[in-house]
Amino acid sequence: MSKFIRYSMQAVLYGLFALVVGYFSTSPHYRLLEDGQGLLRLSLQHSGKLLVECRQRSAQELAKMPPNMRTSADCPRERSPVAVRVELDGKPIINDSFAPAGLSKDGASAAYRRLPIPAGQHQLHVRINDDKKVPGYTHEREFALNVKPGQIVLIDFQPELGGVVLR
C-alpha cells in the first residue's frame, strides 16, 4: 500500500474518531435536575461520643497486667452511631442512623444523601444526635431557605463552627 493511501486512511479514521468523541462530549443531553428543582445534599463525617466512659484500674488490676500493658485508665473505643433527622416544611425527608466505621466501631460515622426538592421558600429543620446515652437530639438548627432552580444546598456538620451549617 502506498504512503499516500495509508496516510489518507489514517487521517479519515482520526477524523471519524474525533467526530465520535465530539458527539459524545455533548450528547446525549444529561440533566441533573428537572425544571424548577433544587438539590438538597446531606454530607457529614462525624465521630459520635464514646459509648462507655473511661474507668480507672485498681492497683491489683495493674499488678496482674504485663508491664508494657499497664495503663491506669481502661477506655473502650466504641462510639455512638450518629442519628440524623431532616425535616423540610415539617415533613421528615431524612431520618436515619449512621454507624461508626471500623472493626472496633471507633471511627467516624459518614452520611451522604441527595434529594431533589422544589424551588422556592422552605423551612429546613436539622437534628443530629451523636450521643446514644442522651435522649432526643444533641444538635439542632432551623433554617429559612429560598432555593433557586438548579441550586445545590449542602447540609454539613462542623462542631468548630457551632454544629449544623448550610453551604
N, C-alpha and C. Protein backbone atom coordinates (compact mmCIF):
# COMPACT_ATOMS: atom_id res chain seq x y z
N MET A 1 0.86 -1.17 0.00
CA MET A 1 0.00 0.00 0.00
C MET A 1 0.90 1.24 0.00
N SER A 2 0.55 2.19 -0.81
CA SER A 2 1.38 3.39 -0.93
C SER A 2 1.22 4.28 0.30
N LYS A 3 2.22 5.14 0.51
CA LYS A 3 2.20 6.04 1.66
C LYS A 3 1.03 7.01 1.59
N PHE A 4 0.69 7.46 0.41
CA PHE A 4 -0.41 8.41 0.25
C PHE A 4 -1.73 7.79 0.73
N ILE A 5 -2.02 6.58 0.30
CA ILE A 5 -3.28 5.91 0.69
C ILE A 5 -3.27 5.64 2.20
N ARG A 6 -2.15 5.18 2.70
CA ARG A 6 -2.06 4.87 4.12
C ARG A 6 -2.30 6.13 4.96
N TYR A 7 -1.66 7.24 4.61
CA TYR A 7 -1.84 8.47 5.38
C TYR A 7 -3.24 9.04 5.20
N SER A 8 -3.82 8.88 4.05
CA SER A 8 -5.20 9.35 3.80
C SER A 8 -6.18 8.56 4.66
N MET A 9 -6.02 7.24 4.69
CA MET A 9 -6.91 6.40 5.51
C MET A 9 -6.74 6.74 7.00
N GLN A 10 -5.50 6.97 7.42
CA GLN A 10 -5.24 7.31 8.80
C GLN A 10 -5.92 8.65 9.15
N ALA A 11 -5.86 9.63 8.28
CA ALA A 11 -6.50 10.93 8.50
C ALA A 11 -8.02 10.77 8.59
N VAL A 12 -8.60 9.94 7.71
CA VAL A 12 -10.06 9.70 7.74
C VAL A 12 -10.45 9.04 9.06
N LEU A 13 -9.71 8.04 9.50
CA LEU A 13 -10.03 7.35 10.75
C LEU A 13 -9.87 8.28 11.95
N TYR A 14 -8.82 9.11 11.97
CA TYR A 14 -8.67 10.10 13.05
C TYR A 14 -9.83 11.08 13.04
N GLY A 15 -10.26 11.49 11.88
CA GLY A 15 -11.39 12.41 11.77
C GLY A 15 -12.67 11.79 12.30
N LEU A 16 -12.93 10.51 11.96
CA LEU A 16 -14.12 9.82 12.47
C LEU A 16 -14.07 9.67 13.98
N PHE A 17 -12.88 9.34 14.49
CA PHE A 17 -12.73 9.23 15.94
C PHE A 17 -13.00 10.57 16.62
N ALA A 18 -12.51 11.67 16.07
CA ALA A 18 -12.75 13.00 16.63
C ALA A 18 -14.23 13.34 16.59
N LEU A 19 -14.94 12.95 15.55
CA LEU A 19 -16.38 13.19 15.47
C LEU A 19 -17.14 12.41 16.54
N VAL A 20 -16.76 11.16 16.75
CA VAL A 20 -17.43 10.34 17.78
C VAL A 20 -17.19 10.94 19.16
N VAL A 21 -15.95 11.32 19.45
CA VAL A 21 -15.64 11.93 20.75
C VAL A 21 -16.39 13.24 20.89
N GLY A 22 -16.42 14.05 19.87
CA GLY A 22 -17.14 15.32 19.90
C GLY A 22 -18.63 15.14 20.14
N TYR A 23 -19.23 14.15 19.48
CA TYR A 23 -20.66 13.89 19.67
C TYR A 23 -20.95 13.47 21.12
N PHE A 24 -20.20 12.51 21.64
CA PHE A 24 -20.48 12.01 22.98
C PHE A 24 -20.04 12.97 24.08
N SER A 25 -19.28 14.01 23.76
CA SER A 25 -18.96 15.01 24.78
C SER A 25 -20.12 15.96 25.01
N THR A 26 -21.06 16.05 24.10
CA THR A 26 -22.21 16.94 24.26
C THR A 26 -23.55 16.22 24.21
N SER A 27 -23.57 14.99 23.80
CA SER A 27 -24.83 14.25 23.66
C SER A 27 -24.64 12.85 24.21
N PRO A 28 -25.62 12.16 24.62
CA PRO A 28 -26.98 12.63 24.86
C PRO A 28 -27.01 13.63 26.02
N HIS A 29 -27.95 14.52 25.98
CA HIS A 29 -28.05 15.58 26.97
C HIS A 29 -28.43 14.98 28.33
N TYR A 30 -27.66 15.32 29.38
CA TYR A 30 -27.93 14.84 30.73
C TYR A 30 -28.35 16.01 31.60
N ARG A 31 -29.42 15.80 32.36
CA ARG A 31 -29.90 16.84 33.28
C ARG A 31 -29.89 16.27 34.69
N LEU A 32 -29.22 16.96 35.57
CA LEU A 32 -29.15 16.54 36.96
C LEU A 32 -30.49 16.71 37.65
N LEU A 33 -31.19 17.79 37.35
CA LEU A 33 -32.47 18.10 38.00
C LEU A 33 -33.51 18.49 36.96
N GLU A 34 -34.75 18.31 37.31
CA GLU A 34 -35.85 18.77 36.47
C GLU A 34 -35.99 20.29 36.60
N ASP A 35 -36.77 20.89 35.71
CA ASP A 35 -37.04 22.32 35.80
C ASP A 35 -37.74 22.63 37.12
N GLY A 36 -37.34 23.72 37.75
CA GLY A 36 -37.99 24.14 38.99
C GLY A 36 -37.57 23.34 40.21
N GLN A 37 -36.43 22.65 40.15
CA GLN A 37 -35.96 21.88 41.29
C GLN A 37 -34.58 22.34 41.73
N GLY A 38 -34.32 22.16 43.01
CA GLY A 38 -33.01 22.34 43.59
C GLY A 38 -32.57 21.02 44.17
N LEU A 39 -31.37 20.97 44.69
CA LEU A 39 -30.84 19.72 45.24
C LEU A 39 -30.42 19.96 46.68
N LEU A 40 -30.91 19.11 47.57
CA LEU A 40 -30.51 19.14 48.97
C LEU A 40 -29.58 17.97 49.21
N ARG A 41 -28.36 18.28 49.69
CA ARG A 41 -27.38 17.23 49.95
C ARG A 41 -27.01 17.24 51.43
N LEU A 42 -27.00 16.06 52.01
CA LEU A 42 -26.51 15.88 53.37
C LEU A 42 -25.18 15.17 53.24
N SER A 43 -24.13 15.78 53.73
CA SER A 43 -22.80 15.18 53.66
C SER A 43 -22.07 15.51 54.94
N LEU A 44 -21.87 14.48 55.77
CA LEU A 44 -21.15 14.73 57.01
C LEU A 44 -20.31 13.54 57.39
N GLN A 45 -19.27 13.82 58.13
CA GLN A 45 -18.40 12.80 58.69
C GLN A 45 -18.09 13.28 60.10
N HIS A 46 -18.60 12.53 61.08
CA HIS A 46 -18.51 12.98 62.47
C HIS A 46 -18.37 11.77 63.38
N SER A 47 -17.50 11.88 64.36
CA SER A 47 -17.33 10.81 65.35
C SER A 47 -18.30 11.04 66.49
N GLY A 48 -19.11 10.03 66.77
CA GLY A 48 -20.02 10.10 67.90
C GLY A 48 -19.25 10.03 69.21
N LYS A 49 -19.96 10.29 70.30
CA LYS A 49 -19.34 10.22 71.63
C LYS A 49 -19.02 8.77 71.97
N LEU A 50 -18.09 8.57 72.88
CA LEU A 50 -17.76 7.23 73.34
C LEU A 50 -18.97 6.63 74.06
N LEU A 51 -19.23 5.33 73.82
CA LEU A 51 -20.38 4.68 74.45
C LEU A 51 -20.16 4.47 75.94
N VAL A 52 -18.93 4.16 76.33
CA VAL A 52 -18.62 3.89 77.74
C VAL A 52 -17.48 4.82 78.16
N GLU A 53 -17.63 5.44 79.31
CA GLU A 53 -16.59 6.33 79.82
C GLU A 53 -15.38 5.52 80.27
N CYS A 54 -14.25 6.18 80.34
CA CYS A 54 -13.02 5.53 80.82
C CYS A 54 -13.17 5.16 82.29
N ARG A 55 -12.52 4.06 82.67
CA ARG A 55 -12.56 3.56 84.04
C ARG A 55 -11.13 3.48 84.56
N GLN A 56 -10.93 3.91 85.79
CA GLN A 56 -9.61 3.83 86.40
C GLN A 56 -9.39 2.41 86.94
N ARG A 57 -8.23 1.84 86.61
CA ARG A 57 -7.90 0.50 87.08
C ARG A 57 -7.34 0.58 88.50
N SER A 58 -7.63 -0.46 89.27
CA SER A 58 -7.12 -0.53 90.64
C SER A 58 -5.67 -1.00 90.61
N ALA A 59 -5.00 -0.85 91.74
CA ALA A 59 -3.60 -1.27 91.85
C ALA A 59 -3.48 -2.79 91.65
N GLN A 60 -4.48 -3.56 92.13
CA GLN A 60 -4.45 -5.01 91.97
C GLN A 60 -4.56 -5.39 90.49
N GLU A 61 -5.43 -4.70 89.77
CA GLU A 61 -5.57 -4.98 88.33
C GLU A 61 -4.27 -4.66 87.59
N LEU A 62 -3.66 -3.55 87.91
CA LEU A 62 -2.41 -3.16 87.26
C LEU A 62 -1.29 -4.15 87.55
N ALA A 63 -1.26 -4.69 88.77
CA ALA A 63 -0.21 -5.64 89.14
C ALA A 63 -0.33 -6.94 88.36
N LYS A 64 -1.54 -7.33 87.99
CA LYS A 64 -1.77 -8.57 87.25
C LYS A 64 -1.42 -8.44 85.77
N MET A 65 -1.27 -7.22 85.29
CA MET A 65 -1.04 -6.99 83.86
C MET A 65 0.45 -6.99 83.55
N PRO A 66 0.82 -7.37 82.32
CA PRO A 66 2.24 -7.28 81.93
C PRO A 66 2.69 -5.81 82.00
N PRO A 67 3.97 -5.58 82.28
CA PRO A 67 4.46 -4.20 82.45
C PRO A 67 4.20 -3.30 81.24
N ASN A 68 4.27 -3.83 80.04
CA ASN A 68 4.07 -2.99 78.86
C ASN A 68 2.60 -2.66 78.60
N MET A 69 1.67 -3.29 79.32
CA MET A 69 0.24 -3.06 79.11
C MET A 69 -0.38 -2.23 80.25
N ARG A 70 0.42 -1.78 81.18
CA ARG A 70 -0.10 -1.11 82.38
C ARG A 70 -0.42 0.36 82.09
N THR A 71 -1.68 0.60 81.92
CA THR A 71 -2.17 1.97 81.82
C THR A 71 -3.22 2.15 82.90
N SER A 72 -3.25 3.29 83.50
CA SER A 72 -4.14 3.50 84.64
C SER A 72 -5.62 3.56 84.23
N ALA A 73 -5.89 3.91 82.98
CA ALA A 73 -7.28 4.03 82.53
C ALA A 73 -7.63 2.94 81.52
N ASP A 74 -8.82 2.41 81.66
CA ASP A 74 -9.36 1.43 80.71
C ASP A 74 -10.43 2.16 79.90
N CYS A 75 -10.13 2.41 78.63
CA CYS A 75 -11.03 3.21 77.79
C CYS A 75 -11.49 2.39 76.59
N PRO A 76 -12.74 1.90 76.61
CA PRO A 76 -13.27 1.22 75.42
C PRO A 76 -13.36 2.21 74.26
N ARG A 77 -13.22 1.70 73.06
CA ARG A 77 -13.11 2.57 71.88
C ARG A 77 -14.43 2.78 71.14
N GLU A 78 -15.43 1.95 71.37
CA GLU A 78 -16.65 2.00 70.57
C GLU A 78 -17.37 3.34 70.73
N ARG A 79 -17.85 3.86 69.61
CA ARG A 79 -18.52 5.16 69.58
C ARG A 79 -20.01 5.01 69.27
N SER A 80 -20.76 6.03 69.62
CA SER A 80 -22.19 6.08 69.33
C SER A 80 -22.44 6.26 67.84
N PRO A 81 -23.51 5.66 67.31
CA PRO A 81 -23.89 6.00 65.95
C PRO A 81 -24.42 7.44 65.91
N VAL A 82 -24.39 8.04 64.75
CA VAL A 82 -24.87 9.41 64.59
C VAL A 82 -26.25 9.35 63.92
N ALA A 83 -27.27 9.82 64.66
CA ALA A 83 -28.64 9.84 64.15
C ALA A 83 -28.91 11.21 63.54
N VAL A 84 -29.52 11.22 62.35
CA VAL A 84 -29.81 12.47 61.65
C VAL A 84 -31.28 12.49 61.25
N ARG A 85 -31.94 13.60 61.55
CA ARG A 85 -33.33 13.80 61.11
C ARG A 85 -33.39 15.17 60.44
N VAL A 86 -33.86 15.18 59.20
CA VAL A 86 -34.01 16.42 58.44
C VAL A 86 -35.48 16.53 58.05
N GLU A 87 -36.07 17.68 58.38
CA GLU A 87 -37.46 17.96 58.01
C GLU A 87 -37.49 19.16 57.08
N LEU A 88 -38.25 19.02 56.01
CA LEU A 88 -38.46 20.11 55.06
C LEU A 88 -39.93 20.49 55.12
N ASP A 89 -40.20 21.71 55.55
CA ASP A 89 -41.56 22.21 55.72
C ASP A 89 -42.39 21.31 56.63
N GLY A 90 -41.76 20.81 57.69
CA GLY A 90 -42.45 20.00 58.69
C GLY A 90 -42.58 18.53 58.35
N LYS A 91 -42.12 18.12 57.17
CA LYS A 91 -42.21 16.71 56.77
C LYS A 91 -40.81 16.08 56.80
N PRO A 92 -40.67 14.92 57.46
CA PRO A 92 -39.34 14.30 57.50
C PRO A 92 -38.93 13.78 56.12
N ILE A 93 -37.73 14.16 55.70
CA ILE A 93 -37.22 13.66 54.42
C ILE A 93 -36.00 12.76 54.62
N ILE A 94 -35.31 12.92 55.75
CA ILE A 94 -34.22 12.03 56.13
C ILE A 94 -34.39 11.72 57.61
N ASN A 95 -34.41 10.45 57.95
CA ASN A 95 -34.49 10.02 59.34
C ASN A 95 -33.71 8.72 59.42
N ASP A 96 -32.41 8.85 59.68
CA ASP A 96 -31.53 7.69 59.58
C ASP A 96 -30.44 7.75 60.65
N SER A 97 -29.86 6.59 60.91
CA SER A 97 -28.76 6.48 61.84
C SER A 97 -27.56 5.91 61.09
N PHE A 98 -26.39 6.49 61.32
CA PHE A 98 -25.19 6.09 60.60
C PHE A 98 -24.18 5.51 61.58
N ALA A 99 -23.82 4.25 61.35
CA ALA A 99 -22.94 3.52 62.25
C ALA A 99 -21.50 4.03 62.13
N PRO A 100 -20.75 3.92 63.23
CA PRO A 100 -19.35 4.31 63.15
C PRO A 100 -18.54 3.32 62.31
N ALA A 101 -17.51 3.82 61.69
CA ALA A 101 -16.66 2.98 60.83
C ALA A 101 -15.66 2.21 61.68
N GLY A 102 -15.08 1.20 61.07
CA GLY A 102 -14.00 0.45 61.72
C GLY A 102 -14.46 -0.85 62.32
N LEU A 103 -13.52 -1.78 62.45
CA LEU A 103 -13.82 -3.08 63.04
C LEU A 103 -14.21 -2.95 64.51
N SER A 104 -13.61 -2.01 65.21
CA SER A 104 -13.94 -1.80 66.62
C SER A 104 -15.03 -0.75 66.80
N LYS A 105 -15.62 -0.31 65.69
CA LYS A 105 -16.65 0.74 65.70
C LYS A 105 -16.14 1.99 66.42
N ASP A 106 -14.91 2.37 66.09
CA ASP A 106 -14.31 3.52 66.75
C ASP A 106 -14.00 4.66 65.79
N GLY A 107 -14.47 4.55 64.56
CA GLY A 107 -14.22 5.59 63.57
C GLY A 107 -15.37 6.57 63.47
N ALA A 108 -15.25 7.45 62.52
CA ALA A 108 -16.28 8.46 62.29
C ALA A 108 -17.46 7.85 61.52
N SER A 109 -18.64 8.35 61.79
CA SER A 109 -19.83 7.97 61.03
C SER A 109 -19.88 8.86 59.80
N ALA A 110 -20.13 8.26 58.66
CA ALA A 110 -20.21 9.02 57.41
C ALA A 110 -21.62 8.94 56.85
N ALA A 111 -22.15 10.09 56.44
CA ALA A 111 -23.50 10.15 55.89
C ALA A 111 -23.48 10.93 54.59
N TYR A 112 -24.22 10.43 53.60
CA TYR A 112 -24.37 11.15 52.34
C TYR A 112 -25.74 10.82 51.76
N ARG A 113 -26.53 11.83 51.51
CA ARG A 113 -27.84 11.69 50.87
C ARG A 113 -28.04 12.84 49.90
N ARG A 114 -28.71 12.56 48.76
CA ARG A 114 -29.07 13.57 47.76
C ARG A 114 -30.57 13.52 47.56
N LEU A 115 -31.21 14.65 47.65
CA LEU A 115 -32.66 14.70 47.47
C LEU A 115 -33.04 15.92 46.62
N PRO A 116 -33.71 15.71 45.50
CA PRO A 116 -34.23 16.87 44.77
C PRO A 116 -35.40 17.47 45.54
N ILE A 117 -35.44 18.80 45.61
CA ILE A 117 -36.53 19.50 46.30
C ILE A 117 -37.06 20.59 45.37
N PRO A 118 -38.33 20.96 45.51
CA PRO A 118 -38.86 22.02 44.67
C PRO A 118 -38.23 23.37 45.01
N ALA A 119 -38.04 24.20 44.01
CA ALA A 119 -37.51 25.55 44.23
C ALA A 119 -38.54 26.37 44.98
N GLY A 120 -38.07 27.38 45.69
CA GLY A 120 -38.96 28.27 46.43
C GLY A 120 -38.58 28.37 47.89
N GLN A 121 -39.50 28.95 48.68
CA GLN A 121 -39.29 29.16 50.11
C GLN A 121 -39.56 27.87 50.88
N HIS A 122 -38.65 27.54 51.81
CA HIS A 122 -38.81 26.34 52.63
C HIS A 122 -38.28 26.60 54.03
N GLN A 123 -38.79 25.82 54.98
CA GLN A 123 -38.27 25.77 56.34
C GLN A 123 -37.55 24.43 56.47
N LEU A 124 -36.29 24.47 56.85
CA LEU A 124 -35.46 23.28 56.99
C LEU A 124 -35.09 23.14 58.46
N HIS A 125 -35.36 21.97 59.03
CA HIS A 125 -35.05 21.70 60.42
C HIS A 125 -34.13 20.48 60.45
N VAL A 126 -32.91 20.65 60.98
CA VAL A 126 -31.91 19.58 61.02
C VAL A 126 -31.62 19.24 62.47
N ARG A 127 -31.71 17.95 62.79
CA ARG A 127 -31.41 17.46 64.15
C ARG A 127 -30.39 16.34 64.06
N ILE A 128 -29.42 16.38 64.96
CA ILE A 128 -28.37 15.37 64.99
C ILE A 128 -28.15 14.92 66.43
N ASN A 129 -28.04 13.61 66.63
CA ASN A 129 -27.70 13.06 67.94
C ASN A 129 -26.43 12.24 67.78
N ASP A 130 -25.36 12.68 68.46
CA ASP A 130 -24.10 11.95 68.39
C ASP A 130 -23.75 11.28 69.71
N ASP A 131 -24.74 11.16 70.62
CA ASP A 131 -24.52 10.51 71.92
C ASP A 131 -25.73 9.62 72.22
N LYS A 132 -25.53 8.32 72.12
CA LYS A 132 -26.62 7.35 72.30
C LYS A 132 -27.21 7.41 73.71
N LYS A 133 -26.43 7.89 74.68
CA LYS A 133 -26.90 7.95 76.06
C LYS A 133 -27.87 9.11 76.30
N VAL A 134 -27.90 10.07 75.39
CA VAL A 134 -28.75 11.26 75.54
C VAL A 134 -30.03 11.05 74.74
N PRO A 135 -31.20 11.14 75.39
CA PRO A 135 -32.45 11.03 74.62
C PRO A 135 -32.66 12.29 73.78
N GLY A 136 -33.30 12.13 72.65
CA GLY A 136 -33.56 13.27 71.79
C GLY A 136 -32.36 13.58 70.92
N TYR A 137 -32.13 14.86 70.68
CA TYR A 137 -31.06 15.28 69.78
C TYR A 137 -30.09 16.21 70.50
N THR A 138 -28.81 16.08 70.22
CA THR A 138 -27.79 16.89 70.87
C THR A 138 -27.48 18.16 70.09
N HIS A 139 -27.77 18.18 68.81
CA HIS A 139 -27.55 19.37 67.97
C HIS A 139 -28.80 19.59 67.13
N GLU A 140 -29.23 20.85 67.11
CA GLU A 140 -30.46 21.16 66.39
C GLU A 140 -30.33 22.56 65.79
N ARG A 141 -30.83 22.70 64.56
CA ARG A 141 -30.76 24.02 63.90
C ARG A 141 -31.90 24.12 62.89
N GLU A 142 -32.43 25.32 62.77
CA GLU A 142 -33.52 25.58 61.82
C GLU A 142 -33.08 26.68 60.86
N PHE A 143 -33.45 26.52 59.59
CA PHE A 143 -33.06 27.46 58.55
C PHE A 143 -34.27 27.83 57.71
N ALA A 144 -34.30 29.08 57.24
CA ALA A 144 -35.26 29.51 56.23
C ALA A 144 -34.50 29.52 54.90
N LEU A 145 -34.99 28.74 53.94
CA LEU A 145 -34.31 28.61 52.65
C LEU A 145 -35.11 29.28 51.54
N ASN A 146 -34.40 29.85 50.60
CA ASN A 146 -35.01 30.30 49.35
C ASN A 146 -34.22 29.60 48.25
N VAL A 147 -34.71 28.46 47.81
CA VAL A 147 -34.00 27.62 46.84
C VAL A 147 -34.35 28.08 45.43
N LYS A 148 -33.31 28.37 44.66
CA LYS A 148 -33.50 28.75 43.26
C LYS A 148 -33.41 27.49 42.40
N PRO A 149 -34.02 27.48 41.23
CA PRO A 149 -33.90 26.31 40.36
C PRO A 149 -32.44 26.01 40.04
N GLY A 150 -32.05 24.76 40.21
CA GLY A 150 -30.69 24.33 39.94
C GLY A 150 -29.71 24.55 41.09
N GLN A 151 -30.16 25.18 42.18
CA GLN A 151 -29.27 25.45 43.31
C GLN A 151 -29.04 24.18 44.11
N ILE A 152 -27.82 24.02 44.62
CA ILE A 152 -27.47 22.90 45.47
C ILE A 152 -27.23 23.43 46.87
N VAL A 153 -27.98 22.88 47.84
CA VAL A 153 -27.85 23.27 49.24
C VAL A 153 -27.21 22.10 49.97
N LEU A 154 -26.10 22.36 50.66
CA LEU A 154 -25.36 21.32 51.36
C LEU A 154 -25.54 21.47 52.86
N ILE A 155 -25.96 20.38 53.51
CA ILE A 155 -26.04 20.33 54.97
C ILE A 155 -24.77 19.65 55.45
N ASP A 156 -24.03 20.33 56.31
CA ASP A 156 -22.79 19.79 56.82
C ASP A 156 -22.78 19.92 58.34
N PHE A 157 -21.91 19.19 59.00
CA PHE A 157 -21.78 19.28 60.45
C PHE A 157 -20.35 19.67 60.77
N GLN A 158 -20.17 20.86 61.33
CA GLN A 158 -18.87 21.39 61.69
C GLN A 158 -18.91 21.81 63.16
N PRO A 159 -18.48 20.94 64.09
CA PRO A 159 -18.54 21.32 65.51
C PRO A 159 -17.80 22.61 65.83
N GLU A 160 -16.68 22.87 65.12
CA GLU A 160 -15.91 24.09 65.39
C GLU A 160 -16.64 25.35 64.93
N LEU A 161 -17.65 25.19 64.07
CA LEU A 161 -18.45 26.34 63.61
C LEU A 161 -19.81 26.40 64.29
N GLY A 162 -20.00 25.59 65.33
CA GLY A 162 -21.25 25.63 66.07
C GLY A 162 -22.22 24.51 65.75
N GLY A 163 -21.84 23.54 64.95
CA GLY A 163 -22.71 22.40 64.67
C GLY A 163 -23.14 22.34 63.22
N VAL A 164 -24.45 22.34 63.01
CA VAL A 164 -25.01 22.18 61.68
C VAL A 164 -24.84 23.49 60.90
N VAL A 165 -24.31 23.38 59.67
CA VAL A 165 -24.14 24.55 58.81
C VAL A 165 -24.67 24.23 57.43
N LEU A 166 -25.08 25.28 56.72
CA LEU A 166 -25.50 25.15 55.32
C LEU A 166 -24.46 25.83 54.45
N ARG A 167 -24.23 25.23 53.29
CA ARG A 167 -23.29 25.84 52.33
C ARG A 167 -23.95 25.90 50.98
